[in-house]
Amino acid sequence: MRFDLPHELLRRRQPESPETPPLEPSPIELHGDRLRDQREHVRQLNLHREPTRTKDGSPQYSPQHSQPDARRAVAHDHQTSRRPRRNNLPVSVIGPSLRPEEITALGEIGRFRVVSTRDLAASVYDGQHSRLTRDLRFLTQQGLVQVESVNARRDGRAGKVEPIEVVTLTEEGRRMARQLAGLPEDQRLYSGLVKPREVEHDAQIYRAYRKESERIENAGGTNLRVRLDFEMKAQIQKAIYAERKADPERDMNEIKQQVAQQFELPFVGGGIQIPDARIEYDLDQGSRSGHADVEVLTAAYRPGHLHNKAQAGFRLYASASDRSTLTAKIEDEHHLLDRILEL
């Protein structure tokens, strides 16, 4: 037996070659991929395309166009009010897709600065407070409104005073209302809560407006606009300042009477009487115009103040609880009590 031969012949080691790069697809392969993508795109379009019609008008479906489910067609035959998903969209994009009720609510809130949710539900949502709550939640999330609960005035009232839920516009909400609500250009809009102690009184102005606007529209008034005392006071002060600057020696009462006449306001008790709100409207298809001045009375009004407002010819409104308190103050003046309308 020979031991000098190996069991296996040693194989010669091949030199290591560098790693071969992967081959790029040929132009023919790329063209084939594009064709497949195009066919898939066309197939997806066919799935959503309206089917062709036969002579009798019935739909004719191709093999690529599956017949819709009859149950699904019935379920979506009516117009749905479901809001599209838009939580991640900016306000500028969300604006045009707001519900009609949401747009109307933004305009009403902006015109009166502060409105109670109870009154807003009654005027815009047909009394359905749950729908208002849902929409206010969405508008709050988008930074368009603020909903707050404030304490009602005490003013000598007996018993427990319930808090009031009110809503105001943010600055972004005011811009959105101006853009979408379709209000007249000279209609001023407000944002933010200015006087928390007067919130209950200010919120009641909207309720008085609703009652007064119904009377105006029944008499043929159209295109109603609102001017709150904020706006009117600023205009009157500007006019008085201009008159005093033109003639510093002129009597102040004379200036006030002239300015009162300029703004069609009464000059009573040595001062210009300014209402809580002035409702301007058109008559005879815009050939004439008119206005109604509205004042909301509270239990804090003194008899002298009440007399001035009544003498001014304002339309006086008061809530049931405030009216009962005022009655005790002027119980001997039935002519004045008869002029106070209940909210």
C-alpha atoms as a PDB file:
ATOM      1  CA  MET A   1       0.000   0.000   0.000  1.00  0.00           C
ATOM      2  CA  ARG A   2       1.297   3.384  -0.999  1.00  0.00           C
ATOM      3  CA  PHE A   3       1.010   6.282   1.385  1.00  0.00           C
ATOM      4  CA  ASP A   4       2.706   8.960  -0.728  1.00  0.00           C
ATOM      5  CA  LEU A   5      -0.435   9.728  -2.813  1.00  0.00           C
ATOM      6  CA  PRO A   6      -3.119  12.045  -1.382  1.00  0.00           C
ATOM      7  CA  HIS A   7      -6.667  10.807  -1.209  1.00  0.00           C
ATOM      8  CA  GLU A   8      -7.859  13.864  -3.307  1.00  0.00           C
ATOM      9  CA  LEU A   9      -5.978  15.981  -5.681  1.00  0.00           C
ATOM     10  CA  LEU A  10      -5.755  19.550  -4.444  1.00  0.00           C
ATOM     11  CA  ARG A  11      -7.871  21.927  -6.521  1.00  0.00           C
ATOM     12  CA  ARG A  12      -6.231  25.081  -7.767  1.00  0.00           C
ATOM     13  CA  ARG A  13      -7.745  28.142  -6.088  1.00  0.00           C
ATOM     14  CA  GLN A  14      -9.389  30.482  -8.531  1.00  0.00           C
ATOM     15  CA  PRO A  15      -8.597  34.167  -8.120  1.00  0.00           C
ATOM     16  CA  GLU A  16     -11.382  36.162  -6.521  1.00  0.00           C
ATOM     17  CA  SER A  17     -13.183  38.409  -8.967  1.00  0.00           C
ATOM     18  CA  PRO A  18     -14.875  41.652  -8.015  1.00  0.00           C
ATOM     19  CA  GLU A  19     -18.629  41.488  -7.372  1.00  0.00           C
ATOM     20  CA  THR A  20     -20.579  41.868 -10.557  1.00  0.00           C
ATOM     21  CA  PRO A  21     -23.049  44.780 -10.414  1.00  0.00           C
ATOM     22  CA  PRO A  22     -26.708  43.975 -11.017  1.00  0.00           C
ATOM     23  CA  LEU A  23     -27.834  44.428 -14.563  1.00  0.00           C
ATOM     24  CA  GLU A  24     -30.088  47.400 -15.293  1.00  0.00           C
ATOM     25  CA  PRO A  25     -33.422  46.636 -16.928  1.00  0.00           C
ATOM     26  CA  SER A  26     -33.373  46.968 -20.656  1.00  0.00           C
ATOM     27  CA  PRO A  27     -35.500  49.553 -22.451  1.00  0.00           C
ATOM     28  CA  ILE A  28     -37.815  46.778 -23.582  1.00  0.00           C
ATOM     29  CA  GLU A  29     -38.445  45.663 -19.983  1.00  0.00           C
ATOM     30  CA  LEU A  30     -39.083  49.243 -18.892  1.00  0.00           C
ATOM     31  CA  HIS A  31     -41.557  49.676 -21.707  1.00  0.00           C
ATOM     32  CA  GLY A  32     -43.361  46.534 -20.609  1.00  0.00           C
ATOM     33  CA  ASP A  33     -43.657  47.808 -17.024  1.00  0.00           C
ATOM     34  CA  ARG A  34     -45.134  51.098 -18.227  1.00  0.00           C
ATOM     35  CA  LEU A  35     -47.672  49.250 -20.348  1.00  0.00           C
ATOM     36  CA  ARG A  36     -48.751  47.172 -17.343  1.00  0.00           C
ATOM     37  CA  ASP A  37     -49.106  50.324 -15.213  1.00  0.00           C
ATOM     38  CA  GLN A  38     -51.179  52.007 -17.903  1.00  0.00           C
ATOM     39  CA  ARG A  39     -53.461  48.982 -18.254  1.00  0.00           C
ATOM     40  CA  GLU A  40     -54.025  48.924 -14.480  1.00  0.00           C
ATOM     41  CA  HIS A  41     -54.808  52.666 -14.481  1.00  0.00           C
ATOM     42  CA  VAL A  42     -57.343  52.245 -17.294  1.00  0.00           C
ATOM     43  CA  ARG A  43     -58.921  49.291 -15.496  1.00  0.00           C
ATOM     44  CA  GLN A  44     -59.381  51.375 -12.337  1.00  0.00           C
ATOM     45  CA  LEU A  45     -60.970  54.162 -14.374  1.00  0.00           C
ATOM     46  CA  ASN A  46     -63.375  51.704 -15.989  1.00  0.00           C
ATOM     47  CA  LEU A  47     -64.547  50.548 -12.607  1.00  0.00           C
ATOM     48  CA  HIS A  48     -65.838  54.058 -11.820  1.00  0.00           C
ATOM     49  CA  ARG A  49     -66.993  55.028 -15.301  1.00  0.00           C
ATOM     50  CA  GLU A  50     -70.668  55.248 -16.093  1.00  0.00           C
ATOM     51  CA  PRO A  51     -71.792  52.136 -18.008  1.00  0.00           C
ATOM     52  CA  THR A  52     -72.917  52.440 -21.614  1.00  0.00           C
ATOM     53  CA  ARG A  53     -76.636  52.420 -22.349  1.00  0.00           C
ATOM     54  CA  THR A  54     -78.644  50.222 -24.699  1.00  0.00           C
ATOM     55  CA  LYS A  55     -81.381  51.533 -26.995  1.00  0.00           C
ATOM     56  CA  ASP A  56     -84.038  51.164 -24.318  1.00  0.00           C
ATOM     57  CA  GLY A  57     -81.906  53.140 -21.844  1.00  0.00           C
ATOM     58  CA  SER A  58     -80.887  50.232 -19.579  1.00  0.00           C
ATOM     59  CA  PRO A  59     -77.245  50.061 -18.453  1.00  0.00           C
ATOM     60  CA  GLN A  60     -74.912  47.658 -20.241  1.00  0.00           C
ATOM     61  CA  TYR A  61     -71.981  46.527 -18.142  1.00  0.00           C
ATOM     62  CA  SER A  62     -68.682  45.306 -19.512  1.00  0.00           C
ATOM     63  CA  PRO A  63     -66.643  42.553 -17.835  1.00  0.00           C
ATOM     64  CA  GLN A  64     -64.340  45.264 -16.417  1.00  0.00           C
ATOM     65  CA  HIS A  65     -67.309  47.278 -15.140  1.00  0.00           C
ATOM     66  CA  SER A  66     -68.990  45.349 -12.387  1.00  0.00           C
ATOM     67  CA  GLN A  67     -72.669  45.982 -11.725  1.00  0.00           C
ATOM     68  CA  PRO A  68     -73.205  48.053  -8.530  1.00  0.00           C
ATOM     69  CA  ASP A  69     -74.804  46.504  -5.539  1.00  0.00           C
ATOM     70  CA  ALA A  70     -78.521  47.374  -5.523  1.00  0.00           C
ATOM     71  CA  ARG A  71     -78.614  47.610  -1.746  1.00  0.00           C
ATOM     72  CA  ARG A  72     -75.768  50.123  -1.750  1.00  0.00           C
ATOM     73  CA  ALA A  73     -77.523  52.226  -4.399  1.00  0.00           C
ATOM     74  CA  VAL A  74     -80.684  52.382  -2.307  1.00  0.00           C
ATOM     75  CA  ALA A  75     -78.780  53.231   0.855  1.00  0.00           C
ATOM     76  CA  HIS A  76     -77.082  56.260  -0.777  1.00  0.00           C
ATOM     77  CA  ASP A  77     -79.962  57.400  -2.946  1.00  0.00           C
ATOM     78  CA  HIS A  78     -80.688  60.319  -0.577  1.00  0.00           C
ATOM     79  CA  GLN A  79     -78.435  63.284   0.084  1.00  0.00           C
ATOM     80  CA  THR A  80     -76.224  62.652   3.071  1.00  0.00           C
ATOM     81  CA  SER A  81     -75.184  65.388   5.495  1.00  0.00           C
ATOM     82  CA  ARG A  82     -72.141  63.562   6.797  1.00  0.00           C
ATOM     83  CA  ARG A  83     -69.214  65.929   7.066  1.00  0.00           C
ATOM     84  CA  PRO A  84     -66.097  64.914   5.099  1.00  0.00           C
ATOM     85  CA  ARG A  85     -62.963  64.209   7.062  1.00  0.00           C
ATOM     86  CA  ARG A  86     -60.999  67.412   7.253  1.00  0.00           C
ATOM     87  CA  ASN A  87     -59.429  67.561  10.698  1.00  0.00           C
ATOM     88  CA  ASN A  88     -55.962  68.022   9.229  1.00  0.00           C
ATOM     89  CA  LEU A  89     -56.954  70.705   6.724  1.00  0.00           C
ATOM     90  CA  PRO A  90     -56.117  74.384   7.248  1.00  0.00           C
ATOM     91  CA  VAL A  91     -58.914  76.819   8.013  1.00  0.00           C
ATOM     92  CA  SER A  92     -58.585  78.392   4.569  1.00  0.00           C
ATOM     93  CA  VAL A  93     -59.522  75.035   3.021  1.00  0.00           C
ATOM     94  CA  ILE A  94     -62.181  74.134   5.602  1.00  0.00           C
ATOM     95  CA  GLY A  95     -64.086  77.387   5.073  1.00  0.00           C
ATOM     96  CA  PRO A  96     -65.832  76.594   1.773  1.00  0.00           C
ATOM     97  CA  SER A  97     -66.959  73.191   3.078  1.00  0.00           C
ATOM     98  CA  LEU A  98     -68.754  74.468   6.188  1.00  0.00           C
ATOM     99  CA  ARG A  99     -72.395  73.514   6.585  1.00  0.00           C
ATOM    100  CA  PRO A 100     -74.982  76.200   5.734  1.00  0.00           C
ATOM    101  CA  GLU A 101     -76.060  76.242   9.397  1.00  0.00           C
ATOM    102  CA  GLU A 102     -72.461  76.762  10.520  1.00  0.00           C
ATOM    103  CA  ILE A 103     -72.007  79.680   8.129  1.00  0.00           C
ATOM    104  CA  THR A 104     -75.289  81.263   9.261  1.00  0.00           C
ATOM    105  CA  ALA A 105     -74.286  80.803  12.909  1.00  0.00           C
ATOM    106  CA  LEU A 106     -70.930  82.516  12.326  1.00  0.00           C
ATOM    107  CA  GLY A 107     -72.710  85.493  10.770  1.00  0.00           C
ATOM    108  CA  GLU A 108     -75.275  85.798  13.577  1.00  0.00           C
ATOM    109  CA  ILE A 109     -72.644  85.550  16.298  1.00  0.00           C
ATOM    110  CA  GLY A 110     -70.433  88.107  14.560  1.00  0.00           C
ATOM    111  CA  ARG A 111     -73.237  90.645  14.139  1.00  0.00           C
ATOM    112  CA  PHE A 112     -74.158  90.616  17.837  1.00  0.00           C
ATOM    113  CA  ARG A 113     -70.740  89.814  19.365  1.00  0.00           C
ATOM    114  CA  VAL A 114     -72.233  87.385  21.895  1.00  0.00           C
ATOM    115  CA  VAL A 115     -75.212  85.033  21.535  1.00  0.00           C
ATOM    116  CA  SER A 116     -76.554  82.437  23.950  1.00  0.00           C
ATOM    117  CA  THR A 117     -76.481  78.874  22.649  1.00  0.00           C
ATOM    118  CA  ARG A 118     -80.175  78.552  23.533  1.00  0.00           C
ATOM    119  CA  ASP A 119     -81.126  81.422  21.225  1.00  0.00           C
ATOM    120  CA  LEU A 120     -78.776  80.224  18.483  1.00  0.00           C
ATOM    121  CA  ALA A 121     -80.319  76.760  18.557  1.00  0.00           C
ATOM    122  CA  ALA A 122     -83.807  78.258  18.298  1.00  0.00           C
ATOM    123  CA  SER A 123     -83.026  80.596  15.413  1.00  0.00           C
ATOM    124  CA  VAL A 124     -80.619  78.592  13.238  1.00  0.00           C
ATOM    125  CA  TYR A 125     -81.195  74.932  14.189  1.00  0.00           C
ATOM    126  CA  ASP A 126     -84.989  74.813  14.592  1.00  0.00           C
ATOM    127  CA  GLY A 127     -84.600  74.182  18.311  1.00  0.00           C
ATOM    128  CA  GLN A 128     -82.388  71.093  17.847  1.00  0.00           C
ATOM    129  CA  HIS A 129     -79.729  71.819  20.434  1.00  0.00           C
ATOM    130  CA  SER A 130     -77.867  68.550  19.787  1.00  0.00           C
ATOM    131  CA  ARG A 131     -77.093  69.608  16.207  1.00  0.00           C
ATOM    132  CA  LEU A 132     -75.831  72.965  17.441  1.00  0.00           C
ATOM    133  CA  THR A 133     -73.639  71.276  20.044  1.00  0.00           C
ATOM    134  CA  ARG A 134     -72.077  69.040  17.389  1.00  0.00           C
ATOM    135  CA  ASP A 135     -71.322  71.953  15.060  1.00  0.00           C
ATOM    136  CA  LEU A 136     -70.008  74.190  17.841  1.00  0.00           C
ATOM    137  CA  ARG A 137     -67.647  71.409  18.879  1.00  0.00           C
ATOM    138  CA  PHE A 138     -66.250  71.303  15.347  1.00  0.00           C
ATOM    139  CA  LEU A 139     -66.050  75.107  15.015  1.00  0.00           C
ATOM    140  CA  THR A 140     -64.262  75.285  18.366  1.00  0.00           C
ATOM    141  CA  GLN A 141     -61.732  72.664  17.265  1.00  0.00           C
ATOM    142  CA  GLN A 142     -61.024  74.740  14.170  1.00  0.00           C
ATOM    143  CA  GLY A 143     -60.450  77.872  16.265  1.00  0.00           C
ATOM    144  CA  LEU A 144     -63.443  79.781  14.869  1.00  0.00           C
ATOM    145  CA  VAL A 145     -65.625  80.180  17.997  1.00  0.00           C
ATOM    146  CA  GLN A 146     -65.363  80.130  21.780  1.00  0.00           C
ATOM    147  CA  VAL A 147     -68.086  78.686  24.010  1.00  0.00           C
ATOM    148  CA  GLU A 148     -68.162  79.912  27.609  1.00  0.00           C
ATOM    149  CA  SER A 149     -70.408  79.515  30.627  1.00  0.00           C
ATOM    150  CA  VAL A 150     -70.953  82.772  32.540  1.00  0.00           C
ATOM    151  CA  ASN A 151     -72.920  83.601  35.650  1.00  0.00           C
ATOM    152  CA  ALA A 152     -76.199  85.434  35.174  1.00  0.00           C
ATOM    153  CA  ARG A 153     -76.839  88.780  36.853  1.00  0.00           C
ATOM    154  CA  ARG A 154     -78.212  88.712  40.362  1.00  0.00           C
ATOM    155  CA  ASP A 155     -79.887  92.182  40.407  1.00  0.00           C
ATOM    156  CA  GLY A 156     -81.903  91.356  43.503  1.00  0.00           C
ATOM    157  CA  ARG A 157     -83.323  88.157  42.041  1.00  0.00           C
ATOM    158  CA  ALA A 158     -84.490  85.554  44.484  1.00  0.00           C
ATOM    159  CA  GLY A 159     -83.516  81.920  44.236  1.00  0.00           C
ATOM    160  CA  LYS A 160     -80.712  80.244  42.338  1.00  0.00           C
ATOM    161  CA  VAL A 161     -79.319  82.029  39.301  1.00  0.00           C
ATOM    162  CA  GLU A 162     -78.419  79.602  36.532  1.00  0.00           C
ATOM    163  CA  PRO A 163     -75.259  80.092  34.440  1.00  0.00           C
ATOM    164  CA  ILE A 164     -75.626  81.053  30.792  1.00  0.00           C
ATOM    165  CA  GLU A 165     -73.783  79.345  27.931  1.00  0.00           C
ATOM    166  CA  VAL A 166     -72.747  81.868  25.293  1.00  0.00           C
ATOM    167  CA  VAL A 167     -70.660  81.763  22.125  1.00  0.00           C
ATOM    168  CA  THR A 168     -68.406  84.386  20.531  1.00  0.00           C
ATOM    169  CA  LEU A 169     -66.215  84.472  17.436  1.00  0.00           C
ATOM    170  CA  THR A 170     -62.452  84.349  17.441  1.00  0.00           C
ATOM    171  CA  GLU A 171     -60.565  86.720  15.165  1.00  0.00           C
ATOM    172  CA  GLU A 172     -60.208  83.883  12.632  1.00  0.00           C
ATOM    173  CA  GLY A 173     -63.936  83.185  12.944  1.00  0.00           C
ATOM    174  CA  ARG A 174     -64.717  86.839  12.259  1.00  0.00           C
ATOM    175  CA  ARG A 175     -62.652  86.724   9.066  1.00  0.00           C
ATOM    176  CA  MET A 176     -64.384  83.509   8.028  1.00  0.00           C
ATOM    177  CA  ALA A 177     -67.841  85.015   8.662  1.00  0.00           C
ATOM    178  CA  ARG A 178     -66.923  88.060   6.578  1.00  0.00           C
ATOM    179  CA  GLN A 179     -65.812  85.784   3.750  1.00  0.00           C
ATOM    180  CA  LEU A 180     -68.693  83.285   3.718  1.00  0.00           C
ATOM    181  CA  ALA A 181     -71.815  84.667   5.440  1.00  0.00           C
ATOM    182  CA  GLY A 182     -72.899  86.929   2.566  1.00  0.00           C
ATOM    183  CA  LEU A 183     -73.547  89.926   4.823  1.00  0.00           C
ATOM    184  CA  PRO A 184     -73.642  93.548   3.559  1.00  0.00           C
ATOM    185  CA  GLU A 185     -70.236  95.187   3.347  1.00  0.00           C
ATOM    186  CA  ASP A 186     -71.227  97.877   5.851  1.00  0.00           C
ATOM    187  CA  GLN A 187     -72.348  95.266   8.395  1.00  0.00           C
ATOM    188  CA  ARG A 188     -69.810  95.330  11.209  1.00  0.00           C
ATOM    189  CA  LEU A 189     -68.711  92.022  12.754  1.00  0.00           C
ATOM    190  CA  TYR A 190     -67.275  91.506  16.235  1.00  0.00           C
ATOM    191  CA  SER A 191     -65.054  88.972  17.949  1.00  0.00           C
ATOM    192  CA  GLY A 192     -64.184  88.225  21.556  1.00  0.00           C
ATOM    193  CA  LEU A 193     -65.918  88.871  24.856  1.00  0.00           C
ATOM    194  CA  VAL A 194     -65.567  92.493  26.006  1.00  0.00           C
ATOM    195  CA  LYS A 195     -67.664  92.978  29.161  1.00  0.00           C
ATOM    196  CA  PRO A 196     -68.204  89.681  31.035  1.00  0.00           C
ATOM    197  CA  ARG A 197     -70.430  91.394  33.643  1.00  0.00           C
ATOM    198  CA  GLU A 198     -72.839  92.487  30.903  1.00  0.00           C
ATOM    199  CA  VAL A 199     -72.927  89.217  28.980  1.00  0.00           C
ATOM    200  CA  GLU A 200     -76.495  88.354  29.957  1.00  0.00           C
ATOM    201  CA  HIS A 201     -77.789  91.763  28.878  1.00  0.00           C
ATOM    202  CA  ASP A 202     -75.780  91.730  25.631  1.00  0.00           C
ATOM    203  CA  ALA A 203     -76.933  88.199  24.772  1.00  0.00           C
ATOM    204  CA  GLN A 204     -80.563  89.287  25.169  1.00  0.00           C
ATOM    205  CA  ILE A 205     -80.113  91.871  22.402  1.00  0.00           C
ATOM    206  CA  TYR A 206     -80.128  89.056  19.862  1.00  0.00           C
ATOM    207  CA  ARG A 207     -83.411  87.738  21.269  1.00  0.00           C
ATOM    208  CA  ALA A 208     -84.948  91.226  21.062  1.00  0.00           C
ATOM    209  CA  TYR A 209     -83.679  91.551  17.495  1.00  0.00           C
ATOM    210  CA  ARG A 210     -85.405  88.323  16.477  1.00  0.00           C
ATOM    211  CA  LYS A 211     -88.747  89.557  17.793  1.00  0.00           C
ATOM    212  CA  GLU A 212     -88.349  93.000  16.251  1.00  0.00           C
ATOM    213  CA  SER A 213     -87.087  91.710  12.901  1.00  0.00           C
ATOM    214  CA  GLU A 214     -90.188  89.518  12.600  1.00  0.00           C
ATOM    215  CA  ARG A 215     -92.367  92.607  13.015  1.00  0.00           C
ATOM    216  CA  ILE A 216     -90.300  94.538  10.457  1.00  0.00           C
ATOM    217  CA  GLU A 217     -90.391  91.768   7.858  1.00  0.00           C
ATOM    218  CA  ASN A 218     -94.143  91.337   8.291  1.00  0.00           C
ATOM    219  CA  ALA A 219     -94.466  95.052   7.477  1.00  0.00           C
ATOM    220  CA  GLY A 220     -92.459  94.622   4.268  1.00  0.00           C
ATOM    221  CA  GLY A 221     -88.939  95.402   5.488  1.00  0.00           C
ATOM    222  CA  THR A 222     -86.043  93.653   3.742  1.00  0.00           C
ATOM    223  CA  ASN A 223     -82.240  93.546   3.788  1.00  0.00           C
ATOM    224  CA  LEU A 224     -81.945  93.977   7.561  1.00  0.00           C
ATOM    225  CA  ARG A 225     -78.683  95.352   8.985  1.00  0.00           C
ATOM    226  CA  VAL A 226     -77.680  95.760  12.627  1.00  0.00           C
ATOM    227  CA  ARG A 227     -75.674  98.498  14.311  1.00  0.00           C
ATOM    228  CA  LEU A 228     -74.815  97.886  17.950  1.00  0.00           C
ATOM    229  CA  ASP A 229     -74.228 100.652  20.464  1.00  0.00           C
ATOM    230  CA  PHE A 230     -70.451  99.973  20.227  1.00  0.00           C
ATOM    231  CA  GLU A 231     -70.433 101.213  16.640  1.00  0.00           C
ATOM    232  CA  MET A 232     -72.886 104.075  17.159  1.00  0.00           C
ATOM    233  CA  LYS A 233     -71.070 105.447  20.218  1.00  0.00           C
ATOM    234  CA  ALA A 234     -67.770 105.520  18.313  1.00  0.00           C
ATOM    235  CA  GLN A 235     -69.358 107.396  15.398  1.00  0.00           C
ATOM    236  CA  ILE A 236     -71.082 109.895  17.704  1.00  0.00           C
ATOM    237  CA  GLN A 237     -67.916 110.620  19.689  1.00  0.00           C
ATOM    238  CA  LYS A 238     -66.013 111.154  16.443  1.00  0.00           C
ATOM    239  CA  ALA A 239     -68.670 113.594  15.204  1.00  0.00           C
ATOM    240  CA  ILE A 240     -68.699 115.549  18.505  1.00  0.00           C
ATOM    241  CA  TYR A 241     -64.892 115.773  18.487  1.00  0.00           C
ATOM    242  CA  ALA A 242     -64.917 117.110  14.920  1.00  0.00           C
ATOM    243  CA  GLU A 243     -67.478 119.830  15.816  1.00  0.00           C
ATOM    244  CA  ARG A 244     -65.578 120.909  18.928  1.00  0.00           C
ATOM    245  CA  LYS A 245     -62.320 121.043  17.011  1.00  0.00           C
ATOM    246  CA  ALA A 246     -63.919 123.213  14.328  1.00  0.00           C
ATOM    247  CA  ASP A 247     -65.352 125.657  16.906  1.00  0.00           C
ATOM    248  CA  PRO A 248     -63.957 125.234  20.465  1.00  0.00           C
ATOM    249  CA  GLU A 249     -66.132 128.077  21.811  1.00  0.00           C
ATOM    250  CA  ARG A 250     -69.390 126.491  20.718  1.00  0.00           C
ATOM    251  CA  ASP A 251     -71.871 125.344  23.387  1.00  0.00           C
ATOM    252  CA  MET A 252     -71.612 121.606  24.080  1.00  0.00           C
ATOM    253  CA  ASN A 253     -75.372 121.062  24.281  1.00  0.00           C
ATOM    254  CA  GLU A 254     -75.787 122.719  20.913  1.00  0.00           C
ATOM    255  CA  ILE A 255     -73.160 120.382  19.434  1.00  0.00           C
ATOM    256  CA  LYS A 256     -74.838 117.320  20.916  1.00  0.00           C
ATOM    257  CA  GLN A 257     -78.233 118.315  19.586  1.00  0.00           C
ATOM    258  CA  GLN A 258     -76.774 118.774  16.118  1.00  0.00           C
ATOM    259  CA  VAL A 259     -75.014 115.393  16.228  1.00  0.00           C
ATOM    260  CA  ALA A 260     -78.163 113.721  17.555  1.00  0.00           C
ATOM    261  CA  GLN A 261     -80.112 115.102  14.630  1.00  0.00           C
ATOM    262  CA  GLN A 262     -77.384 113.963  12.252  1.00  0.00           C
ATOM    263  CA  PHE A 263     -77.716 110.356  13.466  1.00  0.00           C
ATOM    264  CA  GLU A 264     -81.513 110.518  13.838  1.00  0.00           C
ATOM    265  CA  LEU A 265     -81.264 109.984  17.585  1.00  0.00           C
ATOM    266  CA  PRO A 266     -83.279 111.729  20.324  1.00  0.00           C
ATOM    267  CA  PHE A 267     -81.729 114.320  22.607  1.00  0.00           C
ATOM    268  CA  VAL A 268     -83.393 113.664  25.968  1.00  0.00           C
ATOM    269  CA  GLY A 269     -82.382 114.661  29.484  1.00  0.00           C
ATOM    270  CA  GLY A 270     -79.381 116.674  28.304  1.00  0.00           C
ATOM    271  CA  GLY A 271     -77.799 113.774  26.412  1.00  0.00           C
ATOM    272  CA  ILE A 272     -77.951 111.768  23.215  1.00  0.00           C
ATOM    273  CA  GLN A 273     -79.945 108.591  23.796  1.00  0.00           C
ATOM    274  CA  ILE A 274     -78.202 105.628  22.120  1.00  0.00           C
ATOM    275  CA  PRO A 275     -80.100 102.307  21.804  1.00  0.00           C
ATOM    276  CA  ASP A 276     -78.591  98.888  22.382  1.00  0.00           C
ATOM    277  CA  ALA A 277     -79.134  98.128  18.697  1.00  0.00           C
ATOM    278  CA  ARG A 278     -80.449  99.868  15.609  1.00  0.00           C
ATOM    279  CA  ILE A 279     -82.066  97.667  12.954  1.00  0.00           C
ATOM    280  CA  GLU A 280     -81.873  99.276   9.514  1.00  0.00           C
ATOM    281  CA  TYR A 281     -83.981  97.937   6.643  1.00  0.00           C
ATOM    282  CA  ASP A 282     -85.194  98.692   3.136  1.00  0.00           C
ATOM    283  CA  LEU A 283     -88.764  99.312   2.004  1.00  0.00           C
ATOM    284  CA  ASP A 284     -90.447  99.288  -1.420  1.00  0.00           C
ATOM    285  CA  GLN A 285     -87.672  97.239  -3.038  1.00  0.00           C
ATOM    286  CA  GLY A 286     -84.970  99.538  -1.719  1.00  0.00           C
ATOM    287  CA  SER A 287     -86.511 102.851  -2.765  1.00  0.00           C
ATOM    288  CA  ARG A 288     -86.955 103.818   0.888  1.00  0.00           C
ATOM    289  CA  SER A 289     -85.200 102.912   4.121  1.00  0.00           C
ATOM    290  CA  GLY A 290     -86.133 102.875   7.776  1.00  0.00           C
ATOM    291  CA  HIS A 291     -84.818 101.860  11.155  1.00  0.00           C
ATOM    292  CA  ALA A 292     -85.997 100.638  14.543  1.00  0.00           C
ATOM    293  CA  ASP A 293     -84.095 101.346  17.767  1.00  0.00           C
ATOM    294  CA  VAL A 294     -84.151  98.543  20.339  1.00  0.00           C
ATOM    295  CA  GLU A 295     -83.351  98.755  24.036  1.00  0.00           C
ATOM    296  CA  VAL A 296     -83.097  95.773  26.400  1.00  0.00           C
ATOM    297  CA  LEU A 297     -84.069  96.733  29.956  1.00  0.00           C
ATOM    298  CA  THR A 298     -82.741  95.011  33.040  1.00  0.00           C
ATOM    299  CA  ALA A 299     -83.723  95.058  36.687  1.00  0.00           C
ATOM    300  CA  ALA A 300     -80.786  97.401  37.348  1.00  0.00           C
ATOM    301  CA  TYR A 301     -82.397 100.277  35.397  1.00  0.00           C
ATOM    302  CA  ARG A 302     -83.478 103.194  37.554  1.00  0.00           C
ATOM    303  CA  PRO A 303     -86.843 104.925  37.020  1.00  0.00           C
ATOM    304  CA  GLY A 304     -85.182 108.027  35.572  1.00  0.00           C
ATOM    305  CA  HIS A 305     -83.248 105.946  33.109  1.00  0.00           C
ATOM    306  CA  LEU A 306     -86.424 104.114  32.120  1.00  0.00           C
ATOM    307  CA  HIS A 307     -88.238 107.396  31.483  1.00  0.00           C
ATOM    308  CA  ASN A 308     -85.449 108.637  29.208  1.00  0.00           C
ATOM    309  CA  LYS A 309     -85.481 105.435  27.138  1.00  0.00           C
ATOM    310  CA  ALA A 310     -89.263 105.502  26.875  1.00  0.00           C
ATOM    311  CA  GLN A 311     -89.293 109.183  25.922  1.00  0.00           C
ATOM    312  CA  ALA A 312     -86.680 108.453  23.259  1.00  0.00           C
ATOM    313  CA  GLY A 313     -89.206 106.265  21.478  1.00  0.00           C
ATOM    314  CA  PHE A 314     -87.134 103.095  21.605  1.00  0.00           C
ATOM    315  CA  ARG A 315     -88.701  99.649  21.335  1.00  0.00           C
ATOM    316  CA  LEU A 316     -88.306  98.398  24.921  1.00  0.00           C
ATOM    317  CA  TYR A 317     -87.799  94.706  25.757  1.00  0.00           C
ATOM    318  CA  ALA A 318     -87.189  92.883  29.035  1.00  0.00           C
ATOM    319  CA  SER A 319     -87.107  89.289  30.198  1.00  0.00           C
ATOM    320  CA  ALA A 320     -89.964  88.032  32.379  1.00  0.00           C
ATOM    321  CA  SER A 321     -87.881  88.168  35.568  1.00  0.00           C
ATOM    322  CA  ASP A 322     -86.516  91.669  34.812  1.00  0.00           C
ATOM    323  CA  ARG A 323     -89.968  92.931  33.890  1.00  0.00           C
ATOM    324  CA  SER A 324     -91.419  91.828  37.224  1.00  0.00           C
ATOM    325  CA  THR A 325     -88.660  93.684  39.078  1.00  0.00           C
ATOM    326  CA  LEU A 326     -89.164  96.818  36.986  1.00  0.00           C
ATOM    327  CA  THR A 327     -92.901  96.677  37.621  1.00  0.00           C
ATOM    328  CA  ALA A 328     -92.292  97.171  41.340  1.00  0.00           C
ATOM    329  CA  LYS A 329     -90.221 100.287  40.597  1.00  0.00           C
ATOM    330  CA  ILE A 330     -92.811 101.973  38.389  1.00  0.00           C
ATOM    331  CA  GLU A 331     -96.030 100.311  39.518  1.00  0.00           C
ATOM    332  CA  ASP A 332     -97.964 103.592  39.340  1.00  0.00           C
ATOM    333  CA  GLU A 333     -96.951 104.318  35.741  1.00  0.00           C
ATOM    334  CA  HIS A 334     -99.012 101.876  33.724  1.00  0.00           C
ATOM    335  CA  HIS A 335     -98.439 103.782  30.480  1.00  0.00           C
ATOM    336  CA  LEU A 336     -94.725 102.970  30.798  1.00  0.00           C
ATOM    337  CA  LEU A 337     -95.278  99.345  31.770  1.00  0.00           C
ATOM    338  CA  ASP A 338     -97.437  98.767  28.728  1.00  0.00           C
ATOM    339  CA  ARG A 339     -94.548  99.758  26.492  1.00  0.00           C
ATOM    340  CA  ILE A 340     -92.149  97.138  27.894  1.00  0.00           C
ATOM    341  CA  LEU A 341     -92.347  94.048  25.655  1.00  0.00           C
ATOM    342  CA  GLU A 342     -91.423  90.645  27.033  1.00  0.00           C
ATOM    343  CA  LEU A 343     -88.511  88.696  25.568  1.00  0.00           C
END
